Protein backbone atom coordinates (compact mmCIF):
# COMPACT_ATOMS: atom_id res chain seq x y z
CA MET A 1 -45.04 56.05 21.35
CA ILE A 2 -45.15 58.62 24.30
CA ARG A 3 -46.20 57.55 27.15
CA THR A 4 -47.71 59.62 30.83
CA PHE A 5 -47.50 58.87 33.79
CA THR A 6 -49.96 59.71 36.59
CA LEU A 7 -49.34 59.98 39.76
CA ARG A 8 -48.81 56.33 40.78
CA GLY A 9 -46.65 55.96 38.06
CA TRP A 10 -44.25 59.19 38.57
CA ALA A 11 -43.72 58.52 42.28
CA ALA A 12 -43.03 54.48 41.12
CA LEU A 13 -40.40 55.73 39.32
CA VAL A 14 -39.17 57.71 41.43
CA LEU A 15 -39.17 55.41 44.61
CA ALA A 16 -37.05 52.38 41.66
CA ALA A 17 -33.98 55.12 41.23
CA PHE A 18 -33.82 55.57 44.78
CA ALA A 19 -34.95 52.95 46.73
CA PRO A 20 -31.71 51.28 45.91
CA PRO A 21 -29.49 53.42 47.81
CA LEU A 22 -32.04 54.32 50.37
CA THR A 23 -32.13 50.91 51.92
CA PRO A 24 -29.23 50.42 53.45
CA VAL A 25 -30.02 53.29 55.61
CA LEU A 26 -33.40 52.46 56.22
CA ALA A 27 -32.86 48.96 56.73
CA GLY A 28 -29.93 50.77 59.43
CA ALA A 29 -32.74 52.74 61.10
CA MET A 30 -35.67 50.15 61.45
CA PRO A 31 -35.29 47.70 65.35
CA THR A 32 -35.21 44.26 64.45
CA LEU A 33 -39.24 43.68 64.38
CA ALA A 34 -38.89 39.44 64.67
CA LEU A 35 -36.51 36.82 64.72
CA VAL A 36 -36.16 32.84 64.10
CA ASN A 37 -34.14 31.32 66.45
CA GLU A 38 -32.37 28.41 65.32
CA THR A 39 -30.20 27.19 68.14
CA SER A 40 -30.82 25.34 71.62
CA SER A 41 -30.60 28.35 73.81
CA LEU A 42 -33.89 29.11 73.82
CA PRO A 43 -36.62 26.99 71.95
CA ARG A 44 -36.62 27.24 67.95
CA GLY A 45 -39.10 29.47 66.79
CA LEU A 46 -40.14 32.39 65.72
CA TYR A 47 -40.03 35.35 68.55
CA LEU A 48 -41.73 38.96 67.92
CA ARG A 49 -40.60 42.34 69.43
CA ARG A 50 -42.35 43.60 72.42
CA PHE A 51 -41.87 47.15 72.34
CA GLY A 52 -42.37 49.17 75.13
CA ALA A 53 -41.00 46.05 77.14
CA ASP A 54 -38.96 46.69 80.37
CA ILE A 55 -35.36 44.75 79.92
CA ARG A 56 -36.62 42.40 83.18
CA ARG A 57 -34.85 39.22 85.37
CA ASP A 58 -36.73 36.56 82.91
CA ALA A 59 -37.27 38.41 79.52
CA THR A 60 -36.00 37.22 76.68
CA ALA A 61 -33.95 39.88 75.60
CA ALA A 62 -31.97 40.15 71.81
CA ALA A 63 -28.93 41.25 72.29
CA ALA A 64 -25.98 42.22 69.36
CA GLN A 65 -22.51 40.25 70.66
CA PRO A 66 -20.28 41.51 72.91
CA LYS A 67 -16.82 41.75 72.51
CA ALA A 68 -15.95 39.24 74.08
CA ALA A 69 -17.94 37.17 72.78
CA ARG A 70 -17.11 38.03 69.06
CA ALA A 71 -13.89 35.69 68.25
CA TYR A 72 -15.77 32.31 69.22
CA LEU A 73 -18.70 33.53 67.30
CA GLU A 74 -16.99 33.76 64.40
CA SER A 75 -14.95 30.70 63.75
CA LEU A 76 -18.89 28.80 63.97
CA GLY A 77 -19.41 31.16 61.04
CA ALA A 78 -21.73 33.43 62.54
CA SER A 79 -21.76 37.44 61.19
CA ALA A 80 -21.18 39.85 62.87
CA ASP A 81 -24.59 41.70 63.05
CA LEU A 82 -26.19 38.24 64.22
CA LEU A 83 -28.11 39.05 67.55
CA LEU A 84 -28.39 36.52 70.84
CA LEU A 85 -31.95 35.59 71.65
CA LYS A 86 -31.55 35.09 75.53
CA ARG A 87 -33.22 34.39 78.77
CA VAL A 88 -31.88 38.14 81.20
CA ALA A 89 -30.87 35.55 84.34
CA ALA A 90 -29.45 38.78 86.35
CA VAL A 91 -30.29 42.76 85.88
CA GLY A 92 -28.34 45.57 88.02
CA GLY A 93 -27.93 44.77 91.69
CA ASP A 94 -27.82 41.21 91.53
CA GLN A 95 -25.31 39.04 92.88
CA VAL A 96 -23.79 36.74 89.94
CA CYS A 97 -21.27 34.05 90.94
CA ALA A 98 -19.86 32.11 88.99
CA LYS A 99 -17.01 29.15 90.51
CA ALA A 100 -16.56 25.99 90.14
CA GLY A 101 -17.56 25.16 86.87
CA ARG A 102 -21.13 26.56 88.18
CA VAL A 103 -22.78 29.97 88.00
CA VAL A 104 -25.56 31.27 90.22
CA THR A 105 -28.50 33.67 89.44
CA PRO A 106 -31.29 35.00 90.87
CA ALA A 107 -32.83 32.65 88.12
CA GLY A 108 -31.28 29.53 89.16
CA GLU A 109 -27.84 28.13 88.99
CA ALA A 110 -26.42 27.00 85.43
CA VAL A 111 -23.45 24.24 84.70
CA VAL A 112 -20.66 26.02 83.08
CA LEU A 113 -18.93 23.61 80.01
CA ALA A 114 -16.01 22.82 79.13
CA GLN A 115 -15.27 22.75 75.95
CA ASP A 116 -18.74 22.80 72.98
CA ARG A 117 -19.83 20.09 71.04
CA ARG A 118 -16.59 20.25 67.99
CA GLY A 119 -14.93 19.75 71.40
CA ALA A 120 -13.52 23.29 71.05
CA VAL A 121 -12.28 25.19 74.63
CA LEU A 122 -14.77 27.26 76.03
CA LYS A 123 -13.23 30.33 78.56
CA ALA A 124 -15.43 30.78 81.24
CA TRP A 125 -16.24 34.13 82.82
CA THR A 126 -15.05 33.73 85.90
CA ASP A 127 -16.77 36.29 89.03
CA CYS A 128 -18.40 36.69 91.48
CA ARG A 129 -19.80 40.96 92.34
CA ARG A 130 -22.63 42.58 92.00
CA LEU A 131 -24.12 43.82 88.55
CA GLU A 132 -23.92 47.75 87.88
CA ALA A 133 -27.23 49.00 86.99
CA GLY A 134 -26.20 49.43 83.26
CA GLU A 135 -25.22 45.60 83.37
CA VAL A 136 -27.61 41.85 82.54
CA PHE A 137 -26.19 38.83 82.40
CA LEU A 138 -28.28 36.36 79.59
CA LEU A 139 -28.39 32.91 80.28
CA GLY A 140 -30.27 30.55 76.94
CA ASP A 141 -32.33 27.33 78.46
CA SER A 142 -29.38 24.91 77.71
CA ALA A 143 -26.54 24.08 78.99
CA GLU A 144 -25.19 24.42 75.46
CA SER A 145 -26.17 27.67 75.06
CA PHE A 146 -23.29 30.11 74.50
CA ASP A 147 -23.86 32.70 76.85
CA SER A 148 -22.42 35.25 79.34
CA ARG A 149 -21.81 32.27 81.51
CA TYR A 150 -18.46 32.52 78.57
CA PHE A 151 -18.97 36.57 77.81
CA GLY A 152 -20.34 38.13 81.06
CA PRO A 153 -22.28 40.52 81.72
CA VAL A 154 -23.92 42.52 78.64
CA ASP A 155 -24.12 46.55 78.82
CA ARG A 156 -28.06 47.05 78.48
CA SER A 157 -27.04 49.32 75.79
CA GLU A 158 -26.14 46.23 73.77
CA ILE A 159 -29.83 44.89 74.22
CA ARG A 160 -32.04 45.55 70.67
CA GLY A 161 -35.26 44.22 72.29
CA VAL A 162 -37.25 42.32 74.16
CA PHE A 163 -38.75 39.74 72.58
CA THR A 164 -41.58 37.00 72.77
CA ALA A 165 -41.95 33.88 71.43
CA VAL A 166 -45.10 33.50 69.51
CA GLY A 167 -44.43 30.16 67.51
CA THR A 168 -42.14 27.04 68.24
CA TRP A 169 -41.28 24.10 66.72
């Protein structure tokens, strides 16, 4: 039996042939639209990207893993492409001071832990300085959050978007 294809049929056939090899290319080009947070850093839930939103103090931002954070995150089993969802506690021009087990930012004060829940030693970032124009300081809402208290300021170019919670649990 000979079957004729409509235009839609040909389009489906072409897409089926080319879509698998193009999937990684298309996925890499697409911005992250939504994130599900399952950590205690921020309220657990669904976060949607706010296109055009400024990276400002108190915004919720998703960042690529800073180099200083990768070894620790890998020890937890996190994949290298896992984004970190945190609050922006300080931006370029803000003073940040981390010493004696505490970090002080314009957003407030946070305790720096010596070890995580598993007992693993946490190496704290220690410095007292004004952030450069291209830097942000990221903090989670909980004391157990792995954030800039441990890996320091993050380059703004590592921020993958600003997000807002649309449903938490």
